[in-house]
């Protein structure tokens, strides 16, 4: 039988790591792109995240937008 509490805790730990890491990478990339004049501060950026767990045949895509100002 699956221990739902352990599963929930492990998923939350994984998602916390993903969230923190992704936020840092997005911030760094956006700053660099603004500094290099690749984008302007008034842009809205399209963003996509793909979550894959091949063992359970999961592929889930989350799409959204990030406003810079």
C-alpha atoms as a PDB file:
ATOM      1  CA  UNK A   1       0.000   0.000   0.000  1.00  0.00           C
ATOM      2  CA  UNK A   2       1.191   3.509  -0.858  1.00  0.00           C
ATOM      3  CA  UNK A   3       2.022   5.812   2.052  1.00  0.00           C
ATOM      4  CA  UNK A   4       0.180   8.991   1.028  1.00  0.00           C
ATOM      5  CA  UNK A   5       1.911  11.120   3.682  1.00  0.00           C
ATOM      6  CA  UNK A   6       5.398  10.197   2.461  1.00  0.00           C
ATOM      7  CA  UNK A   7       4.365  10.734  -1.170  1.00  0.00           C
ATOM      8  CA  UNK A   8       2.927  14.159  -0.357  1.00  0.00           C
ATOM      9  CA  UNK A   9       6.042  15.251   1.551  1.00  0.00           C
ATOM     10  CA  UNK A  10       8.402  14.049  -1.190  1.00  0.00           C
ATOM     11  CA  UNK A  11       6.390  15.785  -3.922  1.00  0.00           C
ATOM     12  CA  UNK A  12       6.376  19.028  -1.928  1.00  0.00           C
ATOM     13  CA  UNK A  13      10.171  18.834  -1.419  1.00  0.00           C
ATOM     14  CA  UNK A  14      10.681  18.276  -5.136  1.00  0.00           C
ATOM     15  CA  UNK A  15       8.366  21.139  -6.119  1.00  0.00           C
ATOM     16  CA  UNK A  16      10.033  23.493  -3.634  1.00  0.00           C
ATOM     17  CA  UNK A  17      13.420  22.714  -5.191  1.00  0.00           C
ATOM     18  CA  UNK A  18      12.015  23.214  -8.687  1.00  0.00           C
ATOM     19  CA  UNK A  19      10.348  26.504  -7.744  1.00  0.00           C
ATOM     20  CA  UNK A  20      13.392  28.038  -6.095  1.00  0.00           C
ATOM     21  CA  UNK A  21      15.782  26.900  -8.833  1.00  0.00           C
ATOM     22  CA  UNK A  22      13.513  28.033 -11.665  1.00  0.00           C
ATOM     23  CA  UNK A  23      12.918  31.431 -10.100  1.00  0.00           C
ATOM     24  CA  UNK A  24      16.658  32.073  -9.778  1.00  0.00           C
ATOM     25  CA  UNK A  25      17.321  30.995 -13.363  1.00  0.00           C
ATOM     26  CA  UNK A  26      14.477  33.103 -14.765  1.00  0.00           C
ATOM     27  CA  UNK A  27      15.613  36.175 -12.827  1.00  0.00           C
ATOM     28  CA  UNK A  28      19.217  35.744 -13.974  1.00  0.00           C
ATOM     29  CA  UNK A  29      18.241  35.207 -17.617  1.00  0.00           C
ATOM     30  CA  UNK A  30      15.828  38.146 -17.694  1.00  0.00           C
ATOM     31  CA  UNK A  31      18.375  40.497 -16.098  1.00  0.00           C
ATOM     32  CA  UNK A  32      21.016  39.429 -18.615  1.00  0.00           C
ATOM     33  CA  UNK A  33      18.615  39.805 -21.539  1.00  0.00           C
ATOM     34  CA  UNK A  34      17.601  43.317 -20.422  1.00  0.00           C
ATOM     35  CA  UNK A  35      21.237  44.321 -19.874  1.00  0.00           C
ATOM     36  CA  UNK A  36      22.176  42.970 -23.321  1.00  0.00           C
ATOM     37  CA  UNK A  37      19.209  44.807 -24.922  1.00  0.00           C
ATOM     38  CA  UNK A  38      17.707  41.510 -26.091  1.00  0.00           C
ATOM     39  CA  UNK A  39      14.383  42.416 -24.465  1.00  0.00           C
ATOM     40  CA  UNK A  40      12.809  45.551 -23.055  1.00  0.00           C
ATOM     41  CA  UNK A  41      11.488  46.037 -19.534  1.00  0.00           C
ATOM     42  CA  UNK A  42       7.894  46.426 -20.741  1.00  0.00           C
ATOM     43  CA  UNK A  43       7.697  43.020 -22.426  1.00  0.00           C
ATOM     44  CA  UNK A  44       5.545  40.085 -21.478  1.00  0.00           C
ATOM     45  CA  UNK A  45       7.453  36.813 -21.774  1.00  0.00           C
ATOM     46  CA  UNK A  46       5.868  33.512 -22.775  1.00  0.00           C
ATOM     47  CA  UNK A  47       7.022  30.698 -20.486  1.00  0.00           C
ATOM     48  CA  UNK A  48       6.572  26.928 -20.555  1.00  0.00           C
ATOM     49  CA  UNK A  49       7.494  24.264 -18.031  1.00  0.00           C
ATOM     50  CA  UNK A  50       7.488  20.579 -18.888  1.00  0.00           C
ATOM     51  CA  UNK A  51       7.248  18.064 -16.052  1.00  0.00           C
ATOM     52  CA  UNK A  52       8.205  14.539 -17.018  1.00  0.00           C
ATOM     53  CA  UNK A  53       8.298  11.346 -15.006  1.00  0.00           C
ATOM     54  CA  UNK A  54       8.887   8.652 -17.630  1.00  0.00           C
ATOM     55  CA  UNK A  55       8.504   5.757 -15.186  1.00  0.00           C
ATOM     56  CA  UNK A  56       4.825   6.598 -14.651  1.00  0.00           C
ATOM     57  CA  UNK A  57       4.318   7.942 -18.187  1.00  0.00           C
ATOM     58  CA  UNK A  58       3.670  11.490 -17.003  1.00  0.00           C
ATOM     59  CA  UNK A  59       4.280  14.477 -19.229  1.00  0.00           C
ATOM     60  CA  UNK A  60       2.562  17.665 -18.087  1.00  0.00           C
ATOM     61  CA  UNK A  61       3.001  21.105 -19.643  1.00  0.00           C
ATOM     62  CA  UNK A  62       2.312  24.374 -17.831  1.00  0.00           C
ATOM     63  CA  UNK A  63       2.272  27.519 -19.968  1.00  0.00           C
ATOM     64  CA  UNK A  64       1.980  31.096 -18.829  1.00  0.00           C
ATOM     65  CA  UNK A  65       3.233  34.635 -19.149  1.00  0.00           C
ATOM     66  CA  UNK A  66       5.667  36.699 -17.105  1.00  0.00           C
ATOM     67  CA  UNK A  67       5.181  40.472 -17.076  1.00  0.00           C
ATOM     68  CA  UNK A  68       8.352  42.415 -16.449  1.00  0.00           C
ATOM     69  CA  UNK A  69       6.676  45.654 -15.326  1.00  0.00           C
END
